[in-house]
Amino acid sequence: MHRIDKFLARLDVKLRQKVLDIAERIKNGDFSGLDMRKLKGSQDVYRVRVGRVRIKFIMDASGIRVLNIDNRNENTYRDI
């Protein structure tokens, strides 16, 4: 089981569905109304905030790819 799948399985149903809906919007390129920011020190990495949950993704010429979905903590942005 992938790390993102394990994290999503631990979320309650309502929050899991909200995160999955937003991840789908990200993959489709619909960023309207999302709390999105480009991460400092990285070329094409962005994050979207959903409460305490962060969705990190790369947006470059080859497309959009979700890197990680995890709770915000002191190590959230270190592995970029």
PDB file of N, CA and C in Angstrom:
ATOM      1  N   MET A   1       0.840  -1.178   0.000  1.00  0.00           N
ATOM      2  CA  MET A   1       0.000   0.000   0.000  1.00  0.00           C
ATOM      3  C   MET A   1       0.885   1.241   0.000  1.00  0.00           C
ATOM      4  N   HIS A   2       0.567   2.201  -0.823  1.00  0.00           N
ATOM      5  CA  HIS A   2       1.347   3.416  -0.968  1.00  0.00           C
ATOM      6  C   HIS A   2       1.140   4.317   0.253  1.00  0.00           C
ATOM      7  N   ARG A   3       2.123   5.172   0.538  1.00  0.00           N
ATOM      8  CA  ARG A   3       2.083   6.052   1.709  1.00  0.00           C
ATOM      9  C   ARG A   3       0.848   6.963   1.694  1.00  0.00           C
ATOM     10  N   ILE A   4       0.504   7.505   0.533  1.00  0.00           N
ATOM     11  CA  ILE A   4      -0.673   8.376   0.433  1.00  0.00           C
ATOM     12  C   ILE A   4      -1.938   7.578   0.746  1.00  0.00           C
ATOM     13  N   ASP A   5      -2.034   6.367   0.243  1.00  0.00           N
ATOM     14  CA  ASP A   5      -3.205   5.525   0.514  1.00  0.00           C
ATOM     15  C   ASP A   5      -3.343   5.227   1.999  1.00  0.00           C
ATOM     16  N   LYS A   6      -2.232   4.957   2.673  1.00  0.00           N
ATOM     17  CA  LYS A   6      -2.264   4.685   4.110  1.00  0.00           C
ATOM     18  C   LYS A   6      -2.743   5.907   4.877  1.00  0.00           C
ATOM     19  N   PHE A   7      -2.240   7.088   4.490  1.00  0.00           N
ATOM     20  CA  PHE A   7      -2.660   8.310   5.159  1.00  0.00           C
ATOM     21  C   PHE A   7      -4.153   8.545   4.966  1.00  0.00           C
ATOM     22  N   LEU A   8      -4.627   8.409   3.745  1.00  0.00           N
ATOM     23  CA  LEU A   8      -6.046   8.628   3.454  1.00  0.00           C
ATOM     24  C   LEU A   8      -6.940   7.636   4.201  1.00  0.00           C
ATOM     25  N   ALA A   9      -6.472   6.417   4.380  1.00  0.00           N
ATOM     26  CA  ALA A   9      -7.257   5.410   5.086  1.00  0.00           C
ATOM     27  C   ALA A   9      -7.453   5.778   6.557  1.00  0.00           C
ATOM     28  N   ARG A  10      -6.533   6.544   7.133  1.00  0.00           N
ATOM     29  CA  ARG A  10      -6.630   6.952   8.536  1.00  0.00           C
ATOM     30  C   ARG A  10      -7.553   8.146   8.744  1.00  0.00           C
ATOM     31  N   LEU A  11      -7.879   8.874   7.684  1.00  0.00           N
ATOM     32  CA  LEU A  11      -8.748  10.043   7.811  1.00  0.00           C
ATOM     33  C   LEU A  11     -10.203   9.621   7.975  1.00  0.00           C
ATOM     34  N   ASP A  12     -10.996  10.513   8.607  1.00  0.00           N
ATOM     35  CA  ASP A  12     -12.417  10.214   8.667  1.00  0.00           C
ATOM     36  C   ASP A  12     -13.021  10.378   7.274  1.00  0.00           C
ATOM     37  N   VAL A  13     -14.154   9.795   7.059  1.00  0.00           N
ATOM     38  CA  VAL A  13     -14.749   9.695   5.724  1.00  0.00           C
ATOM     39  C   VAL A  13     -14.978  11.070   5.099  1.00  0.00           C
ATOM     40  N   LYS A  14     -15.489  12.006   5.878  1.00  0.00           N
ATOM     41  CA  LYS A  14     -15.814  13.339   5.356  1.00  0.00           C
ATOM     42  C   LYS A  14     -14.561  14.075   4.884  1.00  0.00           C
ATOM     43  N   LEU A  15     -13.509  14.077   5.705  1.00  0.00           N
ATOM     44  CA  LEU A  15     -12.263  14.752   5.344  1.00  0.00           C
ATOM     45  C   LEU A  15     -11.576  14.030   4.184  1.00  0.00           C
ATOM     46  N   ARG A  16     -11.609  12.704   4.179  1.00  0.00           N
ATOM     47  CA  ARG A  16     -11.007  11.933   3.094  1.00  0.00           C
ATOM     48  C   ARG A  16     -11.638  12.298   1.748  1.00  0.00           C
ATOM     49  N   GLN A  17     -12.974  12.391   1.729  1.00  0.00           N
ATOM     50  CA  GLN A  17     -13.660  12.730   0.488  1.00  0.00           C
ATOM     51  C   GLN A  17     -13.312  14.153   0.041  1.00  0.00           C
ATOM     52  N   LYS A  18     -13.205  15.077   0.986  1.00  0.00           N
ATOM     53  CA  LYS A  18     -12.841  16.455   0.650  1.00  0.00           C
ATOM     54  C   LYS A  18     -11.434  16.518   0.057  1.00  0.00           C
ATOM     55  N   VAL A  19     -10.487  15.803   0.668  1.00  0.00           N
ATOM     56  CA  VAL A  19      -9.109  15.774   0.179  1.00  0.00           C
ATOM     57  C   VAL A  19      -9.047  15.132  -1.208  1.00  0.00           C
ATOM     58  N   LEU A  20      -9.764  14.042  -1.406  1.00  0.00           N
ATOM     59  CA  LEU A  20      -9.771  13.381  -2.714  1.00  0.00           C
ATOM     60  C   LEU A  20     -10.385  14.270  -3.793  1.00  0.00           C
ATOM     61  N   ASP A  21     -11.458  15.003  -3.449  1.00  0.00           N
ATOM     62  CA  ASP A  21     -12.068  15.921  -4.401  1.00  0.00           C
ATOM     63  C   ASP A  21     -11.102  17.027  -4.803  1.00  0.00           C
ATOM     64  N   ILE A  22     -10.388  17.578  -3.828  1.00  0.00           N
ATOM     65  CA  ILE A  22      -9.424  18.641  -4.125  1.00  0.00           C
ATOM     66  C   ILE A  22      -8.245  18.092  -4.917  1.00  0.00           C
ATOM     67  N   ALA A  23      -7.780  16.893  -4.598  1.00  0.00           N
ATOM     68  CA  ALA A  23      -6.685  16.282  -5.368  1.00  0.00           C
ATOM     69  C   ALA A  23      -7.103  16.077  -6.823  1.00  0.00           C
ATOM     70  N   GLU A  24      -8.345  15.700  -7.037  1.00  0.00           N
ATOM     71  CA  GLU A  24      -8.856  15.532  -8.409  1.00  0.00           C
ATOM     72  C   GLU A  24      -8.907  16.868  -9.139  1.00  0.00           C
ATOM     73  N   ARG A  25      -9.317  17.913  -8.427  1.00  0.00           N
ATOM     74  CA  ARG A  25      -9.327  19.256  -9.031  1.00  0.00           C
ATOM     75  C   ARG A  25      -7.915  19.686  -9.407  1.00  0.00           C
ATOM     76  N   ILE A  26      -6.945  19.373  -8.552  1.00  0.00           N
ATOM     77  CA  ILE A  26      -5.548  19.720  -8.843  1.00  0.00           C
ATOM     78  C   ILE A  26      -5.095  19.006 -10.107  1.00  0.00           C
ATOM     79  N   LYS A  27      -5.372  17.715 -10.203  1.00  0.00           N
ATOM     80  CA  LYS A  27      -4.968  16.945 -11.384  1.00  0.00           C
ATOM     81  C   LYS A  27      -5.598  17.478 -12.664  1.00  0.00           C
ATOM     82  N   ASN A  28      -6.814  18.046 -12.538  1.00  0.00           N
ATOM     83  CA  ASN A  28      -7.502  18.609 -13.697  1.00  0.00           C
ATOM     84  C   ASN A  28      -7.103  20.054 -13.978  1.00  0.00           C
ATOM     85  N   GLY A  29      -6.282  20.649 -13.102  1.00  0.00           N
ATOM     86  CA  GLY A  29      -5.818  22.017 -13.310  1.00  0.00           C
ATOM     87  C   GLY A  29      -6.790  23.085 -12.856  1.00  0.00           C
ATOM     88  N   ASP A  30      -7.772  22.743 -12.033  1.00  0.00           N
ATOM     89  CA  ASP A  30      -8.756  23.697 -11.519  1.00  0.00           C
ATOM     90  C   ASP A  30      -8.309  24.171 -10.133  1.00  0.00           C
ATOM     91  N   PHE A  31      -7.658  25.337 -10.072  1.00  0.00           N
ATOM     92  CA  PHE A  31      -7.112  25.850  -8.821  1.00  0.00           C
ATOM     93  C   PHE A  31      -7.969  26.954  -8.217  1.00  0.00           C
ATOM     94  N   SER A  32      -9.120  27.262  -8.801  1.00  0.00           N
ATOM     95  CA  SER A  32      -9.949  28.358  -8.313  1.00  0.00           C
ATOM     96  C   SER A  32     -10.487  28.039  -6.916  1.00  0.00           C
ATOM     97  N   GLY A  33     -10.307  28.993  -6.019  1.00  0.00           N
ATOM     98  CA  GLY A  33     -10.813  28.850  -4.659  1.00  0.00           C
ATOM     99  C   GLY A  33      -9.967  28.000  -3.743  1.00  0.00           C
ATOM    100  N   LEU A  34      -8.805  27.544  -4.188  1.00  0.00           N
ATOM    101  CA  LEU A  34      -7.931  26.721  -3.347  1.00  0.00           C
ATOM    102  C   LEU A  34      -6.858  27.584  -2.687  1.00  0.00           C
ATOM    103  N   ASP A  35      -6.443  27.185  -1.492  1.00  0.00           N
ATOM    104  CA  ASP A  35      -5.359  27.860  -0.787  1.00  0.00           C
ATOM    105  C   ASP A  35      -4.051  27.254  -1.295  1.00  0.00           C
ATOM    106  N   MET A  36      -3.562  27.768  -2.430  1.00  0.00           N
ATOM    107  CA  MET A  36      -2.394  27.217  -3.107  1.00  0.00           C
ATOM    108  C   MET A  36      -1.232  28.190  -3.017  1.00  0.00           C
ATOM    109  N   ARG A  37      -0.035  27.662  -2.764  1.00  0.00           N
ATOM    110  CA  ARG A  37       1.178  28.480  -2.729  1.00  0.00           C
ATOM    111  C   ARG A  37       2.333  27.712  -3.338  1.00  0.00           C
ATOM    112  N   LYS A  38       3.221  28.452  -3.993  1.00  0.00           N
ATOM    113  CA  LYS A  38       4.459  27.879  -4.505  1.00  0.00           C
ATOM    114  C   LYS A  38       5.423  27.768  -3.337  1.00  0.00           C
ATOM    115  N   LEU A  39       6.128  26.662  -3.228  1.00  0.00           N
ATOM    116  CA  LEU A  39       7.054  26.465  -2.119  1.00  0.00           C
ATOM    117  C   LEU A  39       8.397  27.098  -2.436  1.00  0.00           C
ATOM    118  N   LYS A  40       8.929  27.815  -1.461  1.00  0.00           N
ATOM    119  CA  LYS A  40      10.224  28.469  -1.629  1.00  0.00           C
ATOM    120  C   LYS A  40      11.323  27.432  -1.769  1.00  0.00           C
ATOM    121  N   GLY A  41      12.329  27.762  -2.563  1.00  0.00           N
ATOM    122  CA  GLY A  41      13.471  26.881  -2.720  1.00  0.00           C
ATOM    123  C   GLY A  41      13.238  25.726  -3.680  1.00  0.00           C
ATOM    124  N   SER A  42      12.126  25.752  -4.365  1.00  0.00           N
ATOM    125  CA  SER A  42      11.853  24.692  -5.329  1.00  0.00           C
ATOM    126  C   SER A  42      11.309  25.321  -6.606  1.00  0.00           C
ATOM    127  N   GLN A  43      11.603  24.697  -7.696  1.00  0.00           N
ATOM    128  CA  GLN A  43      11.253  25.245  -8.996  1.00  0.00           C
ATOM    129  C   GLN A  43       9.766  25.136  -9.296  1.00  0.00           C
ATOM    130  N   ASP A  44       9.215  23.951  -9.219  1.00  0.00           N
ATOM    131  CA  ASP A  44       7.844  23.707  -9.678  1.00  0.00           C
ATOM    132  C   ASP A  44       6.958  23.043  -8.631  1.00  0.00           C
ATOM    133  N   VAL A  45       7.309  23.115  -7.343  1.00  0.00           N
ATOM    134  CA  VAL A  45       6.545  22.421  -6.309  1.00  0.00           C
ATOM    135  C   VAL A  45       5.598  23.407  -5.626  1.00  0.00           C
ATOM    136  N   TYR A  46       4.344  22.969  -5.482  1.00  0.00           N
ATOM    137  CA  TYR A  46       3.300  23.777  -4.872  1.00  0.00           C
ATOM    138  C   TYR A  46       2.632  22.977  -3.769  1.00  0.00           C
ATOM    139  N   ARG A  47       1.852  23.683  -2.938  1.00  0.00           N
ATOM    140  CA  ARG A  47       1.059  22.993  -1.928  1.00  0.00           C
ATOM    141  C   ARG A  47      -0.327  23.606  -1.886  1.00  0.00           C
ATOM    142  N   VAL A  48      -1.295  22.783  -1.523  1.00  0.00           N
ATOM    143  CA  VAL A  48      -2.665  23.223  -1.275  1.00  0.00           C
ATOM    144  C   VAL A  48      -2.997  22.835   0.152  1.00  0.00           C
ATOM    145  N   ARG A  49      -3.579  23.771   0.887  1.00  0.00           N
ATOM    146  CA  ARG A  49      -3.930  23.532   2.285  1.00  0.00           C
ATOM    147  C   ARG A  49      -5.401  23.161   2.379  1.00  0.00           C
ATOM    148  N   VAL A  50      -5.670  22.072   3.116  1.00  0.00           N
ATOM    149  CA  VAL A  50      -7.037  21.637   3.416  1.00  0.00           C
ATOM    150  C   VAL A  50      -7.076  21.420   4.921  1.00  0.00           C
ATOM    151  N   GLY A  51      -7.301  22.483   5.689  1.00  0.00           N
ATOM    152  CA  GLY A  51      -7.222  22.401   7.149  1.00  0.00           C
ATOM    153  C   GLY A  51      -5.786  22.109   7.550  1.00  0.00           C
ATOM    154  N   ARG A  52      -5.561  21.029   8.303  1.00  0.00           N
ATOM    155  CA  ARG A  52      -4.199  20.633   8.684  1.00  0.00           C
ATOM    156  C   ARG A  52      -3.526  19.759   7.631  1.00  0.00           C
ATOM    157  N   VAL A  53      -4.265  19.348   6.633  1.00  0.00           N
ATOM    158  CA  VAL A  53      -3.734  18.462   5.592  1.00  0.00           C
ATOM    159  C   VAL A  53      -3.098  19.305   4.486  1.00  0.00           C
ATOM    160  N   ARG A  54      -1.938  18.859   3.991  1.00  0.00           N
ATOM    161  CA  ARG A  54      -1.258  19.525   2.890  1.00  0.00           C
ATOM    162  C   ARG A  54      -1.129  18.557   1.720  1.00  0.00           C
ATOM    163  N   ILE A  55      -1.467  19.049   0.540  1.00  0.00           N
ATOM    164  CA  ILE A  55      -1.296  18.283  -0.687  1.00  0.00           C
ATOM    165  C   ILE A  55      -0.168  18.942  -1.453  1.00  0.00           C
ATOM    166  N   LYS A  56       0.965  18.247  -1.591  1.00  0.00           N
ATOM    167  CA  LYS A  56       2.108  18.787  -2.329  1.00  0.00           C
ATOM    168  C   LYS A  56       2.122  18.181  -3.724  1.00  0.00           C
ATOM    169  N   PHE A  57       2.394  19.035  -4.709  1.00  0.00           N
ATOM    170  CA  PHE A  57       2.396  18.554  -6.084  1.00  0.00           C
ATOM    171  C   PHE A  57       3.374  19.347  -6.935  1.00  0.00           C
ATOM    172  N   ILE A  58       3.774  18.736  -8.056  1.00  0.00           N
ATOM    173  CA  ILE A  58       4.662  19.362  -9.034  1.00  0.00           C
ATOM    174  C   ILE A  58       3.816  19.749 -10.239  1.00  0.00           C
ATOM    175  N   MET A  59       4.043  20.974 -10.710  1.00  0.00           N
ATOM    176  CA  MET A  59       3.363  21.442 -11.910  1.00  0.00           C
ATOM    177  C   MET A  59       4.444  21.930 -12.867  1.00  0.00           C
ATOM    178  N   ASP A  60       4.704  21.156 -13.921  1.00  0.00           N
ATOM    179  CA  ASP A  60       5.730  21.522 -14.898  1.00  0.00           C
ATOM    180  C   ASP A  60       5.223  21.238 -16.308  1.00  0.00           C
ATOM    181  N   ALA A  61       6.120  21.285 -17.257  1.00  0.00           N
ATOM    182  CA  ALA A  61       5.738  21.102 -18.670  1.00  0.00           C
ATOM    183  C   ALA A  61       5.143  19.722 -18.939  1.00  0.00           C
ATOM    184  N   SER A  62       5.541  18.722 -18.169  1.00  0.00           N
ATOM    185  CA  SER A  62       5.030  17.363 -18.400  1.00  0.00           C
ATOM    186  C   SER A  62       3.657  17.131 -17.777  1.00  0.00           C
ATOM    187  N   GLY A  63       3.192  18.079 -16.944  1.00  0.00           N
ATOM    188  CA  GLY A  63       1.869  17.954 -16.347  1.00  0.00           C
ATOM    189  C   GLY A  63       1.887  18.194 -14.853  1.00  0.00           C
ATOM    190  N   ILE A  64       0.858  17.715 -14.185  1.00  0.00           N
ATOM    191  CA  ILE A  64       0.700  17.878 -12.745  1.00  0.00           C
ATOM    192  C   ILE A  64       0.752  16.500 -12.101  1.00  0.00           C
ATOM    193  N   ARG A  65       1.593  16.390 -11.048  1.00  0.00           N
ATOM    194  CA  ARG A  65       1.762  15.106 -10.363  1.00  0.00           C
ATOM    195  C   ARG A  65       1.742  15.338  -8.855  1.00  0.00           C
ATOM    196  N   VAL A  66       0.855  14.663  -8.135  1.00  0.00           N
ATOM    197  CA  VAL A  66       0.767  14.778  -6.686  1.00  0.00           C
ATOM    198  C   VAL A  66       1.944  14.032  -6.067  1.00  0.00           C
ATOM    199  N   LEU A  67       2.694  14.727  -5.203  1.00  0.00           N
ATOM    200  CA  LEU A  67       3.854  14.120  -4.552  1.00  0.00           C
ATOM    201  C   LEU A  67       3.495  13.464  -3.228  1.00  0.00           C
ATOM    202  N   ASN A  68       2.718  14.195  -2.414  1.00  0.00           N
ATOM    203  CA  ASN A  68       2.449  13.714  -1.074  1.00  0.00           C
ATOM    204  C   ASN A  68       1.178  14.354  -0.545  1.00  0.00           C
ATOM    205  N   ILE A  69       0.486  13.637   0.320  1.00  0.00           N
ATOM    206  CA  ILE A  69      -0.646  14.159   1.077  1.00  0.00           C
ATOM    207  C   ILE A  69      -0.382  13.769   2.519  1.00  0.00           C
ATOM    208  N   ASP A  70      -0.298  14.771   3.397  1.00  0.00           N
ATOM    209  CA  ASP A  70       0.046  14.487   4.782  1.00  0.00           C
ATOM    210  C   ASP A  70      -0.421  15.623   5.675  1.00  0.00           C
ATOM    211  N   ASN A  71      -0.471  15.368   6.997  1.00  0.00           N
ATOM    212  CA  ASN A  71      -0.773  16.414   7.958  1.00  0.00           C
ATOM    213  C   ASN A  71       0.395  17.384   8.058  1.00  0.00           C
ATOM    214  N   ARG A  72       0.119  18.625   8.377  1.00  0.00           N
ATOM    215  CA  ARG A  72       1.158  19.633   8.559  1.00  0.00           C
ATOM    216  C   ARG A  72       1.879  19.335   9.861  1.00  0.00           C
ATOM    217  N   ASN A  73       3.210  19.299   9.812  1.00  0.00           N
ATOM    218  CA  ASN A  73       4.047  19.150  10.996  1.00  0.00           C
ATOM    219  C   ASN A  73       5.407  19.764  10.715  1.00  0.00           C
ATOM    220  N   GLU A  74       6.369  19.608  11.608  1.00  0.00           N
ATOM    221  CA  GLU A  74       7.674  20.257  11.438  1.00  0.00           C
ATOM    222  C   GLU A  74       8.479  19.682  10.274  1.00  0.00           C
ATOM    223  N   ASN A  75       8.126  18.504   9.773  1.00  0.00           N
ATOM    224  CA  ASN A  75       8.860  17.883   8.674  1.00  0.00           C
ATOM    225  C   ASN A  75       8.120  17.934   7.335  1.00  0.00           C
ATOM    226  N   THR A  76       7.023  18.639   7.270  1.00  0.00           N
ATOM    227  CA  THR A  76       6.182  18.623   6.070  1.00  0.00           C
ATOM    228  C   THR A  76       6.920  19.059   4.825  1.00  0.00           C
ATOM    229  N   TYR A  77       7.711  20.108   4.907  1.00  0.00           N
ATOM    230  CA  TYR A  77       8.335  20.671   3.723  1.00  0.00           C
ATOM    231  C   TYR A  77       9.826  20.370   3.610  1.00  0.00           C
ATOM    232  N   ARG A  78      10.369  19.510   4.439  1.00  0.00           N
ATOM    233  CA  ARG A  78      11.804  19.215   4.421  1.00  0.00           C
ATOM    234  C   ARG A  78      12.228  18.285   3.300  1.00  0.00           C
ATOM    235  N   ASP A  79      11.351  17.426   2.838  1.00  0.00           N
ATOM    236  CA  ASP A  79      11.739  16.400   1.867  1.00  0.00           C
ATOM    237  C   ASP A  79      11.517  16.826   0.421  1.00  0.00           C
ATOM    238  N   ILE A  80      11.533  18.104   0.151  1.00  0.00           N
ATOM    239  CA  ILE A  80      11.288  18.594  -1.213  1.00  0.00           C
ATOM    240  C   ILE A  80      12.572  18.665  -1.992  1.00  0.00           C
TER     241      ILE A  80
END
